[in-house]
PDB file of N, CA and C in Angstrom:
ATOM      1  N   MET A   1      35.165  -7.340 -56.869  1.00  0.00           N
ATOM      2  CA  MET A   1      36.314  -7.704 -57.666  1.00  0.00           C
ATOM      3  C   MET A   1      37.482  -6.777 -57.307  1.00  0.00           C
ATOM      4  N   ILE A   2      38.638  -7.352 -57.137  1.00  0.00           N
ATOM      5  CA  ILE A   2      39.829  -6.561 -56.844  1.00  0.00           C
ATOM      6  C   ILE A   2      40.388  -5.999 -58.143  1.00  0.00           C
ATOM      7  N   VAL A   3      40.542  -4.682 -58.179  1.00  0.00           N
ATOM      8  CA  VAL A   3      41.081  -3.990 -59.343  1.00  0.00           C
ATOM      9  C   VAL A   3      42.599  -3.895 -59.244  1.00  0.00           C
ATOM     10  N   GLY A   4      43.102  -3.701 -58.027  1.00  0.00           N
ATOM     11  CA  GLY A   4      44.546  -3.599 -57.839  1.00  0.00           C
ATOM     12  C   GLY A   4      44.920  -3.644 -56.374  1.00  0.00           C
ATOM     13  N   ILE A   5      46.172  -4.003 -56.128  1.00  0.00           N
ATOM     14  CA  ILE A   5      46.725  -4.046 -54.778  1.00  0.00           C
ATOM     15  C   ILE A   5      48.042  -3.296 -54.802  1.00  0.00           C
ATOM     16  N   GLY A   6      48.285  -2.510 -53.768  1.00  0.00           N
ATOM     17  CA  GLY A   6      49.552  -1.795 -53.667  1.00  0.00           C
ATOM     18  C   GLY A   6      50.096  -1.870 -52.256  1.00  0.00           C
ATOM     19  N   VAL A   7      51.403  -2.015 -52.141  1.00  0.00           N
ATOM     20  CA  VAL A   7      52.085  -2.062 -50.855  1.00  0.00           C
ATOM     21  C   VAL A   7      53.298  -1.158 -50.944  1.00  0.00           C
ATOM     22  N   ASP A   8      53.583  -0.427 -49.875  1.00  0.00           N
ATOM     23  CA  ASP A   8      54.790   0.383 -49.849  1.00  0.00           C
ATOM     24  C   ASP A   8      55.337   0.428 -48.435  1.00  0.00           C
ATOM     25  N   VAL A   9      56.654   0.527 -48.336  1.00  0.00           N
ATOM     26  CA  VAL A   9      57.364   0.595 -47.068  1.00  0.00           C
ATOM     27  C   VAL A   9      58.263   1.819 -47.114  1.00  0.00           C
ATOM     28  N   VAL A  10      58.233   2.611 -46.033  1.00  0.00           N
ATOM     29  CA  VAL A  10      59.048   3.824 -45.956  1.00  0.00           C
ATOM     30  C   VAL A  10      59.907   3.766 -44.704  1.00  0.00           C
ATOM     31  N   LEU A  11      61.195   3.997 -44.874  1.00  0.00           N
ATOM     32  CA  LEU A  11      62.111   4.113 -43.752  1.00  0.00           C
ATOM     33  C   LEU A  11      61.950   5.526 -43.184  1.00  0.00           C
ATOM     34  N   VAL A  12      61.474   5.642 -41.963  1.00  0.00           N
ATOM     35  CA  VAL A  12      61.103   6.933 -41.379  1.00  0.00           C
ATOM     36  C   VAL A  12      62.292   7.895 -41.321  1.00  0.00           C
ATOM     37  N   THR A  13      63.453   7.446 -40.885  1.00  0.00           N
ATOM     38  CA  THR A  13      64.606   8.358 -40.777  1.00  0.00           C
ATOM     39  C   THR A  13      65.037   8.867 -42.153  1.00  0.00           C
ATOM     40  N   ARG A  14      65.017   8.002 -43.139  1.00  0.00           N
ATOM     41  CA  ARG A  14      65.369   8.439 -44.504  1.00  0.00           C
ATOM     42  C   ARG A  14      64.360   9.455 -45.025  1.00  0.00           C
ATOM     43  N   PHE A  15      63.076   9.208 -44.775  1.00  0.00           N
ATOM     44  CA  PHE A  15      62.023  10.125 -45.200  1.00  0.00           C
ATOM     45  C   PHE A  15      62.197  11.482 -44.512  1.00  0.00           C
ATOM     46  N   GLU A  16      62.506  11.456 -43.228  1.00  0.00           N
ATOM     47  CA  GLU A  16      62.734  12.695 -42.479  1.00  0.00           C
ATOM     48  C   GLU A  16      63.912  13.474 -43.063  1.00  0.00           C
ATOM     49  N   GLN A  17      64.976  12.786 -43.429  1.00  0.00           N
ATOM     50  CA  GLN A  17      66.132  13.443 -44.049  1.00  0.00           C
ATOM     51  C   GLN A  17      65.748  14.090 -45.377  1.00  0.00           C
ATOM     52  N   GLN A  18      64.922  13.422 -46.161  1.00  0.00           N
ATOM     53  CA  GLN A  18      64.476  13.976 -47.435  1.00  0.00           C
ATOM     54  C   GLN A  18      63.646  15.241 -47.220  1.00  0.00           C
ATOM     55  N   LEU A  19      62.782  15.230 -46.204  1.00  0.00           N
ATOM     56  CA  LEU A  19      61.974  16.421 -45.906  1.00  0.00           C
ATOM     57  C   LEU A  19      62.850  17.589 -45.453  1.00  0.00           C
ATOM     58  N   ARG A  20      63.914  17.295 -44.722  1.00  0.00           N
ATOM     59  CA  ARG A  20      64.828  18.359 -44.286  1.00  0.00           C
ATOM     60  C   ARG A  20      65.623  18.932 -45.454  1.00  0.00           C
ATOM     61  N   ARG A  21      66.094  18.047 -46.344  1.00  0.00           N
ATOM     62  CA  ARG A  21      66.883  18.500 -47.500  1.00  0.00           C
ATOM     63  C   ARG A  21      66.057  19.290 -48.495  1.00  0.00           C
ATOM     64  N   ALA A  22      64.791  18.920 -48.632  1.00  0.00           N
ATOM     65  CA  ALA A  22      63.911  19.556 -49.616  1.00  0.00           C
ATOM     66  C   ALA A  22      62.597  19.936 -48.941  1.00  0.00           C
ATOM     67  N   PRO A  23      62.574  21.074 -48.209  1.00  0.00           N
ATOM     68  CA  PRO A  23      61.363  21.467 -47.476  1.00  0.00           C
ATOM     69  C   PRO A  23      60.111  21.599 -48.355  1.00  0.00           C
ATOM     70  N   ALA A  24      60.278  21.936 -49.624  1.00  0.00           N
ATOM     71  CA  ALA A  24      59.127  22.073 -50.519  1.00  0.00           C
ATOM     72  C   ALA A  24      58.443  20.733 -50.779  1.00  0.00           C
ATOM     73  N   LEU A  25      59.147  19.643 -50.490  1.00  0.00           N
ATOM     74  CA  LEU A  25      58.579  18.315 -50.686  1.00  0.00           C
ATOM     75  C   LEU A  25      57.323  18.119 -49.843  1.00  0.00           C
ATOM     76  N   ARG A  26      57.320  18.653 -48.638  1.00  0.00           N
ATOM     77  CA  ARG A  26      56.159  18.541 -47.746  1.00  0.00           C
ATOM     78  C   ARG A  26      54.917  19.151 -48.406  1.00  0.00           C
ATOM     79  N   GLU A  27      55.099  20.314 -49.031  1.00  0.00           N
ATOM     80  CA  GLU A  27      53.972  20.982 -49.691  1.00  0.00           C
ATOM     81  C   GLU A  27      53.552  20.251 -50.961  1.00  0.00           C
ATOM     82  N   ARG A  28      54.519  19.654 -51.658  1.00  0.00           N
ATOM     83  CA  ARG A  28      54.204  18.945 -52.895  1.00  0.00           C
ATOM     84  C   ARG A  28      53.457  17.640 -52.641  1.00  0.00           C
ATOM     85  N   LEU A  29      53.802  16.957 -51.564  1.00  0.00           N
ATOM     86  CA  LEU A  29      53.239  15.636 -51.300  1.00  0.00           C
ATOM     87  C   LEU A  29      51.947  15.640 -50.490  1.00  0.00           C
ATOM     88  N   PHE A  30      51.794  16.638 -49.620  1.00  0.00           N
ATOM     89  CA  PHE A  30      50.715  16.580 -48.641  1.00  0.00           C
ATOM     90  C   PHE A  30      49.796  17.795 -48.702  1.00  0.00           C
ATOM     91  N   VAL A  31      48.519  17.559 -48.417  1.00  0.00           N
ATOM     92  CA  VAL A  31      47.550  18.652 -48.304  1.00  0.00           C
ATOM     93  C   VAL A  31      47.788  19.347 -46.963  1.00  0.00           C
ATOM     94  N   PRO A  32      47.305  20.588 -46.817  1.00  0.00           N
ATOM     95  CA  PRO A  32      47.557  21.331 -45.574  1.00  0.00           C
ATOM     96  C   PRO A  32      47.213  20.565 -44.297  1.00  0.00           C
ATOM     97  N   ALA A  33      46.137  19.828 -44.272  1.00  0.00           N
ATOM     98  CA  ALA A  33      45.744  19.092 -43.064  1.00  0.00           C
ATOM     99  C   ALA A  33      46.758  18.015 -42.694  1.00  0.00           C
ATOM    100  N   GLU A  34      47.484  17.484 -43.676  1.00  0.00           N
ATOM    101  CA  GLU A  34      48.459  16.434 -43.400  1.00  0.00           C
ATOM    102  C   GLU A  34      49.816  16.997 -42.978  1.00  0.00           C
ATOM    103  N   ARG A  35      50.160  18.179 -43.427  1.00  0.00           N
ATOM    104  CA  ARG A  35      51.512  18.736 -43.274  1.00  0.00           C
ATOM    105  C   ARG A  35      51.979  18.914 -41.839  1.00  0.00           C
ATOM    106  N   GLU A  36      51.069  19.074 -40.917  1.00  0.00           N
ATOM    107  CA  GLU A  36      51.439  19.324 -39.524  1.00  0.00           C
ATOM    108  C   GLU A  36      51.632  18.049 -38.709  1.00  0.00           C
ATOM    109  N   LEU A  37      51.405  16.903 -39.320  1.00  0.00           N
ATOM    110  CA  LEU A  37      51.546  15.630 -38.608  1.00  0.00           C
ATOM    111  C   LEU A  37      53.012  15.316 -38.334  1.00  0.00           C
ATOM    112  N   ASN A  38      53.251  14.439 -37.376  1.00  0.00           N
ATOM    113  CA  ASN A  38      54.631  14.039 -37.067  1.00  0.00           C
ATOM    114  C   ASN A  38      55.207  13.213 -38.216  1.00  0.00           C
ATOM    115  N   THR A  39      56.511  13.066 -38.213  1.00  0.00           N
ATOM    116  CA  THR A  39      57.207  12.415 -39.323  1.00  0.00           C
ATOM    117  C   THR A  39      56.758  10.972 -39.536  1.00  0.00           C
ATOM    118  N   ARG A  40      56.534  10.222 -38.458  1.00  0.00           N
ATOM    119  CA  ARG A  40      56.073   8.834 -38.609  1.00  0.00           C
ATOM    120  C   ARG A  40      54.729   8.776 -39.324  1.00  0.00           C
ATOM    121  N   SER A  41      53.822   9.683 -38.958  1.00  0.00           N
ATOM    122  CA  SER A  41      52.515   9.709 -39.611  1.00  0.00           C
ATOM    123  C   SER A  41      52.631  10.137 -41.069  1.00  0.00           C
ATOM    124  N   LEU A  42      53.503  11.105 -41.342  1.00  0.00           N
ATOM    125  CA  LEU A  42      53.717  11.532 -42.730  1.00  0.00           C
ATOM    126  C   LEU A  42      54.302  10.394 -43.558  1.00  0.00           C
ATOM    127  N   ALA A  43      55.248   9.668 -42.988  1.00  0.00           N
ATOM    128  CA  ALA A  43      55.852   8.541 -43.701  1.00  0.00           C
ATOM    129  C   ALA A  43      54.797   7.485 -44.037  1.00  0.00           C
ATOM    130  N   ALA A  44      53.918   7.199 -43.096  1.00  0.00           N
ATOM    131  CA  ALA A  44      52.848   6.220 -43.340  1.00  0.00           C
ATOM    132  C   ALA A  44      51.889   6.725 -44.410  1.00  0.00           C
ATOM    133  N   ARG A  45      51.577   8.001 -44.381  1.00  0.00           N
ATOM    134  CA  ARG A  45      50.685   8.571 -45.391  1.00  0.00           C
ATOM    135  C   ARG A  45      51.342   8.575 -46.767  1.00  0.00           C
ATOM    136  N   PHE A  46      52.643   8.842 -46.809  1.00  0.00           N
ATOM    137  CA  PHE A  46      53.341   8.766 -48.085  1.00  0.00           C
ATOM    138  C   PHE A  46      53.326   7.328 -48.602  1.00  0.00           C
ATOM    139  N   ALA A  47      53.550   6.366 -47.718  1.00  0.00           N
ATOM    140  CA  ALA A  47      53.477   4.958 -48.117  1.00  0.00           C
ATOM    141  C   ALA A  47      52.093   4.635 -48.668  1.00  0.00           C
ATOM    142  N   ALA A  48      51.045   5.187 -48.059  1.00  0.00           N
ATOM    143  CA  ALA A  48      49.680   4.954 -48.539  1.00  0.00           C
ATOM    144  C   ALA A  48      49.484   5.539 -49.936  1.00  0.00           C
ATOM    145  N   LYS A  49      49.996   6.742 -50.162  1.00  0.00           N
ATOM    146  CA  LYS A  49      49.874   7.373 -51.485  1.00  0.00           C
ATOM    147  C   LYS A  49      50.609   6.547 -52.538  1.00  0.00           C
ATOM    148  N   GLU A  50      51.794   6.065 -52.196  1.00  0.00           N
ATOM    149  CA  GLU A  50      52.555   5.197 -53.103  1.00  0.00           C
ATOM    150  C   GLU A  50      51.783   3.900 -53.366  1.00  0.00           C
ATOM    151  N   ALA A  51      51.196   3.334 -52.328  1.00  0.00           N
ATOM    152  CA  ALA A  51      50.439   2.091 -52.483  1.00  0.00           C
ATOM    153  C   ALA A  51      49.211   2.305 -53.364  1.00  0.00           C
ATOM    154  N   VAL A  52      48.550   3.449 -53.236  1.00  0.00           N
ATOM    155  CA  VAL A  52      47.417   3.771 -54.109  1.00  0.00           C
ATOM    156  C   VAL A  52      47.887   3.838 -55.556  1.00  0.00           C
ATOM    157  N   ALA A  53      49.005   4.533 -55.786  1.00  0.00           N
ATOM    158  CA  ALA A  53      49.543   4.628 -57.149  1.00  0.00           C
ATOM    159  C   ALA A  53      49.846   3.245 -57.716  1.00  0.00           C
ATOM    160  N   LYS A  54      50.432   2.384 -56.908  1.00  0.00           N
ATOM    161  CA  LYS A  54      50.751   1.027 -57.355  1.00  0.00           C
ATOM    162  C   LYS A  54      49.479   0.232 -57.647  1.00  0.00           C
ATOM    163  N   ALA A  55      48.468   0.394 -56.818  1.00  0.00           N
ATOM    164  CA  ALA A  55      47.199  -0.312 -57.039  1.00  0.00           C
ATOM    165  C   ALA A  55      46.547   0.126 -58.347  1.00  0.00           C
ATOM    166  N   LEU A  56      46.839   1.352 -58.766  1.00  0.00           N
ATOM    167  CA  LEU A  56      46.274   1.874 -60.014  1.00  0.00           C
ATOM    168  C   LEU A  56      47.193   1.633 -61.214  1.00  0.00           C
ATOM    169  N   GLY A  57      48.319   0.967 -60.995  1.00  0.00           N
ATOM    170  CA  GLY A  57      49.232   0.704 -62.094  1.00  0.00           C
ATOM    171  C   GLY A  57      50.264   1.790 -62.306  1.00  0.00           C
ATOM    172  N   ALA A  58      50.427   2.677 -61.330  1.00  0.00           N
ATOM    173  CA  ALA A  58      51.420   3.759 -61.354  1.00  0.00           C
ATOM    174  C   ALA A  58      51.345   4.619 -62.618  1.00  0.00           C
ATOM    175  N   PRO A  59      50.158   5.151 -62.933  1.00  0.00           N
ATOM    176  CA  PRO A  59      50.035   5.987 -64.131  1.00  0.00           C
ATOM    177  C   PRO A  59      50.733   7.335 -63.951  1.00  0.00           C
ATOM    178  N   ALA A  60      51.242   7.870 -65.029  1.00  0.00           N
ATOM    179  CA  ALA A  60      51.894   9.183 -64.997  1.00  0.00           C
ATOM    180  C   ALA A  60      50.847  10.272 -64.821  1.00  0.00           C
ATOM    181  N   GLY A  61      51.276  11.406 -64.284  1.00  0.00           N
ATOM    182  CA  GLY A  61      50.414  12.579 -64.206  1.00  0.00           C
ATOM    183  C   GLY A  61      49.537  12.678 -62.980  1.00  0.00           C
ATOM    184  N   MET A  62      49.688  11.768 -62.029  1.00  0.00           N
ATOM    185  CA  MET A  62      48.871  11.860 -60.830  1.00  0.00           C
ATOM    186  C   MET A  62      49.459  12.890 -59.879  1.00  0.00           C
ATOM    187  N   ASN A  63      48.600  13.716 -59.303  1.00  0.00           N
ATOM    188  CA  ASN A  63      49.005  14.731 -58.325  1.00  0.00           C
ATOM    189  C   ASN A  63      48.938  14.106 -56.937  1.00  0.00           C
ATOM    190  N   TRP A  64      50.064  14.174 -56.191  1.00  0.00           N
ATOM    191  CA  TRP A  64      50.118  13.566 -54.859  1.00  0.00           C
ATOM    192  C   TRP A  64      49.058  14.129 -53.922  1.00  0.00           C
ATOM    193  N   GLN A  65      48.693  15.389 -54.097  1.00  0.00           N
ATOM    194  CA  GLN A  65      47.711  16.001 -53.200  1.00  0.00           C
ATOM    195  C   GLN A  65      46.286  15.561 -53.516  1.00  0.00           C
ATOM    196  N   ASP A  66      46.101  14.856 -54.628  1.00  0.00           N
ATOM    197  CA  ASP A  66      44.775  14.333 -54.975  1.00  0.00           C
ATOM    198  C   ASP A  66      44.482  13.004 -54.294  1.00  0.00           C
ATOM    199  N   CYS A  67      45.389  12.571 -53.441  1.00  0.00           N
ATOM    200  CA  CYS A  67      45.197  11.353 -52.650  1.00  0.00           C
ATOM    201  C   CYS A  67      45.599  11.682 -51.226  1.00  0.00           C
ATOM    202  N   GLN A  68      44.720  11.400 -50.305  1.00  0.00           N
ATOM    203  CA  GLN A  68      45.076  11.648 -48.909  1.00  0.00           C
ATOM    204  C   GLN A  68      44.470  10.584 -48.001  1.00  0.00           C
ATOM    205  N   VAL A  69      45.047  10.493 -46.830  1.00  0.00           N
ATOM    206  CA  VAL A  69      44.542   9.581 -45.808  1.00  0.00           C
ATOM    207  C   VAL A  69      43.735  10.416 -44.826  1.00  0.00           C
ATOM    208  N   VAL A  70      42.496  10.021 -44.632  1.00  0.00           N
ATOM    209  CA  VAL A  70      41.620  10.680 -43.659  1.00  0.00           C
ATOM    210  C   VAL A  70      41.191   9.634 -42.641  1.00  0.00           C
ATOM    211  N   LEU A  71      40.755  10.101 -41.499  1.00  0.00           N
ATOM    212  CA  LEU A  71      40.273   9.186 -40.464  1.00  0.00           C
ATOM    213  C   LEU A  71      38.752   9.195 -40.455  1.00  0.00           C
ATOM    214  N   ASN A  72      38.138   8.018 -40.394  1.00  0.00           N
ATOM    215  CA  ASN A  72      36.684   7.965 -40.314  1.00  0.00           C
ATOM    216  C   ASN A  72      36.234   8.247 -38.879  1.00  0.00           C
ATOM    217  N   ALA A  73      34.951   8.185 -38.621  1.00  0.00           N
ATOM    218  CA  ALA A  73      34.403   8.517 -37.305  1.00  0.00           C
ATOM    219  C   ALA A  73      34.966   7.631 -36.197  1.00  0.00           C
ATOM    220  N   ALA A  74      35.358   6.417 -36.546  1.00  0.00           N
ATOM    221  CA  ALA A  74      35.918   5.490 -35.555  1.00  0.00           C
ATOM    222  C   ALA A  74      37.429   5.665 -35.405  1.00  0.00           C
ATOM    223  N   GLY A  75      38.026   6.560 -36.214  1.00  0.00           N
ATOM    224  CA  GLY A  75      39.465   6.795 -36.133  1.00  0.00           C
ATOM    225  C   GLY A  75      40.295   5.910 -37.045  1.00  0.00           C
ATOM    226  N   ALA A  76      39.646   5.108 -37.871  1.00  0.00           N
ATOM    227  CA  ALA A  76      40.366   4.236 -38.806  1.00  0.00           C
ATOM    228  C   ALA A  76      40.763   5.022 -40.056  1.00  0.00           C
ATOM    229  N   PRO A  77      41.963   4.762 -40.592  1.00  0.00           N
ATOM    230  CA  PRO A  77      42.398   5.481 -41.792  1.00  0.00           C
ATOM    231  C   PRO A  77      41.651   5.001 -43.032  1.00  0.00           C
ATOM    232  N   GLN A  78      41.359   5.954 -43.904  1.00  0.00           N
ATOM    233  CA  GLN A  78      40.691   5.660 -45.166  1.00  0.00           C
ATOM    234  C   GLN A  78      41.358   6.461 -46.272  1.00  0.00           C
ATOM    235  N   VAL A  79      41.281   5.943 -47.485  1.00  0.00           N
ATOM    236  CA  VAL A  79      41.790   6.640 -48.659  1.00  0.00           C
ATOM    237  C   VAL A  79      40.707   7.582 -49.169  1.00  0.00           C
ATOM    238  N   HIS A  80      41.105   8.823 -49.444  1.00  0.00           N
ATOM    239  CA  HIS A  80      40.217   9.794 -50.086  1.00  0.00           C
ATOM    240  C   HIS A  80      40.917  10.275 -51.347  1.00  0.00           C
ATOM    241  N   VAL A  81      40.255  10.142 -52.498  1.00  0.00           N
ATOM    242  CA  VAL A  81      40.843  10.584 -53.763  1.00  0.00           C
ATOM    243  C   VAL A  81      39.958  11.621 -54.428  1.00  0.00           C
ATOM    244  N   GLU A  82      40.615  12.472 -55.213  1.00  0.00           N
ATOM    245  CA  GLU A  82      39.914  13.478 -56.003  1.00  0.00           C
ATOM    246  C   GLU A  82      40.785  13.786 -57.215  1.00  0.00           C
ATOM    247  N   GLY A  83      40.327  14.660 -58.067  1.00  0.00           N
ATOM    248  CA  GLY A  83      41.129  15.134 -59.190  1.00  0.00           C
ATOM    249  C   GLY A  83      41.751  14.031 -60.027  1.00  0.00           C
ATOM    250  N   THR A  84      43.072  14.131 -60.219  1.00  0.00           N
ATOM    251  CA  THR A  84      43.782  13.209 -61.111  1.00  0.00           C
ATOM    252  C   THR A  84      43.707  11.757 -60.649  1.00  0.00           C
ATOM    253  N   VAL A  85      43.779  11.535 -59.354  1.00  0.00           N
ATOM    254  CA  VAL A  85      43.737  10.160 -58.832  1.00  0.00           C
ATOM    255  C   VAL A  85      42.330   9.590 -58.976  1.00  0.00           C
ATOM    256  N   ALA A  86      41.324  10.388 -58.684  1.00  0.00           N
ATOM    257  CA  ALA A  86      39.943   9.934 -58.834  1.00  0.00           C
ATOM    258  C   ALA A  86      39.630   9.607 -60.290  1.00  0.00           C
ATOM    259  N   ALA A  87      40.177  10.386 -61.219  1.00  0.00           N
ATOM    260  CA  ALA A  87      39.934  10.139 -62.642  1.00  0.00           C
ATOM    261  C   ALA A  87      40.508   8.791 -63.071  1.00  0.00           C
ATOM    262  N   VAL A  88      41.717   8.492 -62.645  1.00  0.00           N
ATOM    263  CA  VAL A  88      42.334   7.195 -62.975  1.00  0.00           C
ATOM    264  C   VAL A  88      41.555   6.065 -62.308  1.00  0.00           C
ATOM    265  N   ALA A  89      41.178   6.264 -61.044  1.00  0.00           N
ATOM    266  CA  ALA A  89      40.418   5.237 -60.325  1.00  0.00           C
ATOM    267  C   ALA A  89      39.100   4.949 -61.049  1.00  0.00           C
ATOM    268  N   GLU A  90      38.441   5.987 -61.512  1.00  0.00           N
ATOM    269  CA  GLU A  90      37.174   5.798 -62.233  1.00  0.00           C
ATOM    270  C   GLU A  90      37.403   5.042 -63.541  1.00  0.00           C
ATOM    271  N   GLN A  91      38.463   5.393 -64.268  1.00  0.00           N
ATOM    272  CA  GLN A  91      38.787   4.682 -65.515  1.00  0.00           C
ATOM    273  C   GLN A  91      39.015   3.196 -65.264  1.00  0.00           C
ATOM    274  N   ARG A  92      39.618   2.876 -64.128  1.00  0.00           N
ATOM    275  CA  ARG A  92      39.949   1.483 -63.815  1.00  0.00           C
ATOM    276  C   ARG A  92      38.790   0.756 -63.128  1.00  0.00           C
ATOM    277  N   GLY A  93      37.707   1.478 -62.830  1.00  0.00           N
ATOM    278  CA  GLY A  93      36.540   0.846 -62.227  1.00  0.00           C
ATOM    279  C   GLY A  93      36.591   0.702 -60.721  1.00  0.00           C
ATOM    280  N   VAL A  94      37.423   1.516 -60.055  1.00  0.00           N
ATOM    281  CA  VAL A  94      37.520   1.437 -58.598  1.00  0.00           C
ATOM    282  C   VAL A  94      36.285   2.072 -57.962  1.00  0.00           C
ATOM    283  N   LYS A  95      35.645   1.328 -57.090  1.00  0.00           N
ATOM    284  CA  LYS A  95      34.456   1.816 -56.375  1.00  0.00           C
ATOM    285  C   LYS A  95      34.750   2.082 -54.900  1.00  0.00           C
ATOM    286  N   SER A  96      35.713   1.338 -54.337  1.00  0.00           N
ATOM    287  CA  SER A  96      36.046   1.530 -52.926  1.00  0.00           C
ATOM    288  C   SER A  96      37.509   1.166 -52.686  1.00  0.00           C
ATOM    289  N   TRP A  97      38.010   1.651 -51.552  1.00  0.00           N
ATOM    290  CA  TRP A  97      39.402   1.447 -51.166  1.00  0.00           C
ATOM    291  C   TRP A  97      39.464   0.795 -49.799  1.00  0.00           C
ATOM    292  N   HIS A  98      40.452  -0.040 -49.600  1.00  0.00           N
ATOM    293  CA  HIS A  98      40.736  -0.630 -48.297  1.00  0.00           C
ATOM    294  C   HIS A  98      42.184  -0.284 -47.972  1.00  0.00           C
ATOM    295  N   LEU A  99      42.425   0.221 -46.771  1.00  0.00           N
ATOM    296  CA  LEU A  99      43.748   0.702 -46.394  1.00  0.00           C
ATOM    297  C   LEU A  99      44.143   0.158 -45.031  1.00  0.00           C
ATOM    298  N   SER A 100      45.387  -0.289 -44.937  1.00  0.00           N
ATOM    299  CA  SER A 100      45.961  -0.669 -43.658  1.00  0.00           C
ATOM    300  C   SER A 100      47.311   0.029 -43.532  1.00  0.00           C
ATOM    301  N   LEU A 101      47.522   0.700 -42.392  1.00  0.00           N
ATOM    302  CA  LEU A 101      48.788   1.371 -42.092  1.00  0.00           C
ATOM    303  C   LEU A 101      49.412   0.699 -40.884  1.00  0.00           C
ATOM    304  N   SER A 102      50.746   0.677 -40.859  1.00  0.00           N
ATOM    305  CA  SER A 102      51.434   0.111 -39.704  1.00  0.00           C
ATOM    306  C   SER A 102      52.766   0.825 -39.507  1.00  0.00           C
ATOM    307  N   HIS A 103      53.179   0.932 -38.245  1.00  0.00           N
ATOM    308  CA  HIS A 103      54.498   1.466 -37.886  1.00  0.00           C
ATOM    309  C   HIS A 103      55.162   0.439 -36.976  1.00  0.00           C
ATOM    310  N   ASP A 104      56.452   0.249 -37.176  1.00  0.00           N
ATOM    311  CA  ASP A 104      57.220  -0.581 -36.263  1.00  0.00           C
ATOM    312  C   ASP A 104      58.647  -0.062 -36.292  1.00  0.00           C
ATOM    313  N   GLY A 105      59.093   0.444 -35.169  1.00  0.00           N
ATOM    314  CA  GLY A 105      60.441   1.010 -35.120  1.00  0.00           C
ATOM    315  C   GLY A 105      60.581   2.136 -36.119  1.00  0.00           C
ATOM    316  N   ASP A 106      61.491   1.973 -37.049  1.00  0.00           N
ATOM    317  CA  ASP A 106      61.793   3.006 -38.036  1.00  0.00           C
ATOM    318  C   ASP A 106      61.116   2.758 -39.378  1.00  0.00           C
ATOM    319  N   VAL A 107      60.102   1.879 -39.400  1.00  0.00           N
ATOM    320  CA  VAL A 107      59.453   1.521 -40.651  1.00  0.00           C
ATOM    321  C   VAL A 107      57.962   1.877 -40.598  1.00  0.00           C
ATOM    322  N   ALA A 108      57.503   2.496 -41.691  1.00  0.00           N
ATOM    323  CA  ALA A 108      56.073   2.748 -41.872  1.00  0.00           C
ATOM    324  C   ALA A 108      55.637   1.972 -43.118  1.00  0.00           C
ATOM    325  N   THR A 109      54.491   1.308 -43.013  1.00  0.00           N
ATOM    326  CA  THR A 109      54.016   0.459 -44.104  1.00  0.00           C
ATOM    327  C   THR A 109      52.563   0.774 -44.408  1.00  0.00           C
ATOM    328  N   ALA A 110      52.203   0.648 -45.688  1.00  0.00           N
ATOM    329  CA  ALA A 110      50.807   0.792 -46.088  1.00  0.00           C
ATOM    330  C   ALA A 110      50.478  -0.292 -47.108  1.00  0.00           C
ATOM    331  N   MET A 111      49.263  -0.810 -46.987  1.00  0.00           N
ATOM    332  CA  MET A 111      48.731  -1.741 -47.983  1.00  0.00           C
ATOM    333  C   MET A 111      47.366  -1.223 -48.412  1.00  0.00           C
ATOM    334  N   VAL A 112      47.160  -1.201 -49.709  1.00  0.00           N
ATOM    335  CA  VAL A 112      45.911  -0.696 -50.277  1.00  0.00           C
ATOM    336  C   VAL A 112      45.315  -1.745 -51.219  1.00  0.00           C
ATOM    337  N   VAL A 113      44.015  -1.919 -51.110  1.00  0.00           N
ATOM    338  CA  VAL A 113      43.281  -2.739 -52.070  1.00  0.00           C
ATOM    339  C   VAL A 113      42.254  -1.845 -52.732  1.00  0.00           C
ATOM    340  N   ALA A 114      42.296  -1.795 -54.058  1.00  0.00           N
ATOM    341  CA  ALA A 114      41.306  -1.051 -54.835  1.00  0.00           C
ATOM    342  C   ALA A 114      40.268  -2.066 -55.299  1.00  0.00           C
ATOM    343  N   GLU A 115      39.020  -1.808 -54.949  1.00  0.00           N
ATOM    344  CA  GLU A 115      37.953  -2.751 -55.251  1.00  0.00           C
ATOM    345  C   GLU A 115      36.977  -2.140 -56.240  1.00  0.00           C
ATOM    346  N   GLY A 116      36.538  -2.965 -57.200  1.00  0.00           N
ATOM    347  CA  GLY A 116      35.594  -2.500 -58.206  1.00  0.00           C
ATOM    348  C   GLY A 116      34.225  -3.070 -58.006  1.00  0.00           C
TER     349      GLY A 116
END
């Protein structure tokens, strides 16, 4: 059963400008393993975090670092949640996540399906 679906689109150049204007944003949004990635990858990961929040109904109080994109053994991106995000997911009955990331030109996109 699908619990929620989330989609987000990030303009890479705008995201890069935001990171330059507010360097602390990188630390607030991303775990240490994500912070060293290039801007396009960070934009896609931010889109994924936004899509996860949307799939969960955008509840208040979620910590951005409690949601991250990891690569499985085959190199495919997967959603990993813990802490505040995992607690909301458990309340909503989420058992698994499906994630698709895409880049085209200056756009990064993520789609997430939360499955119960």
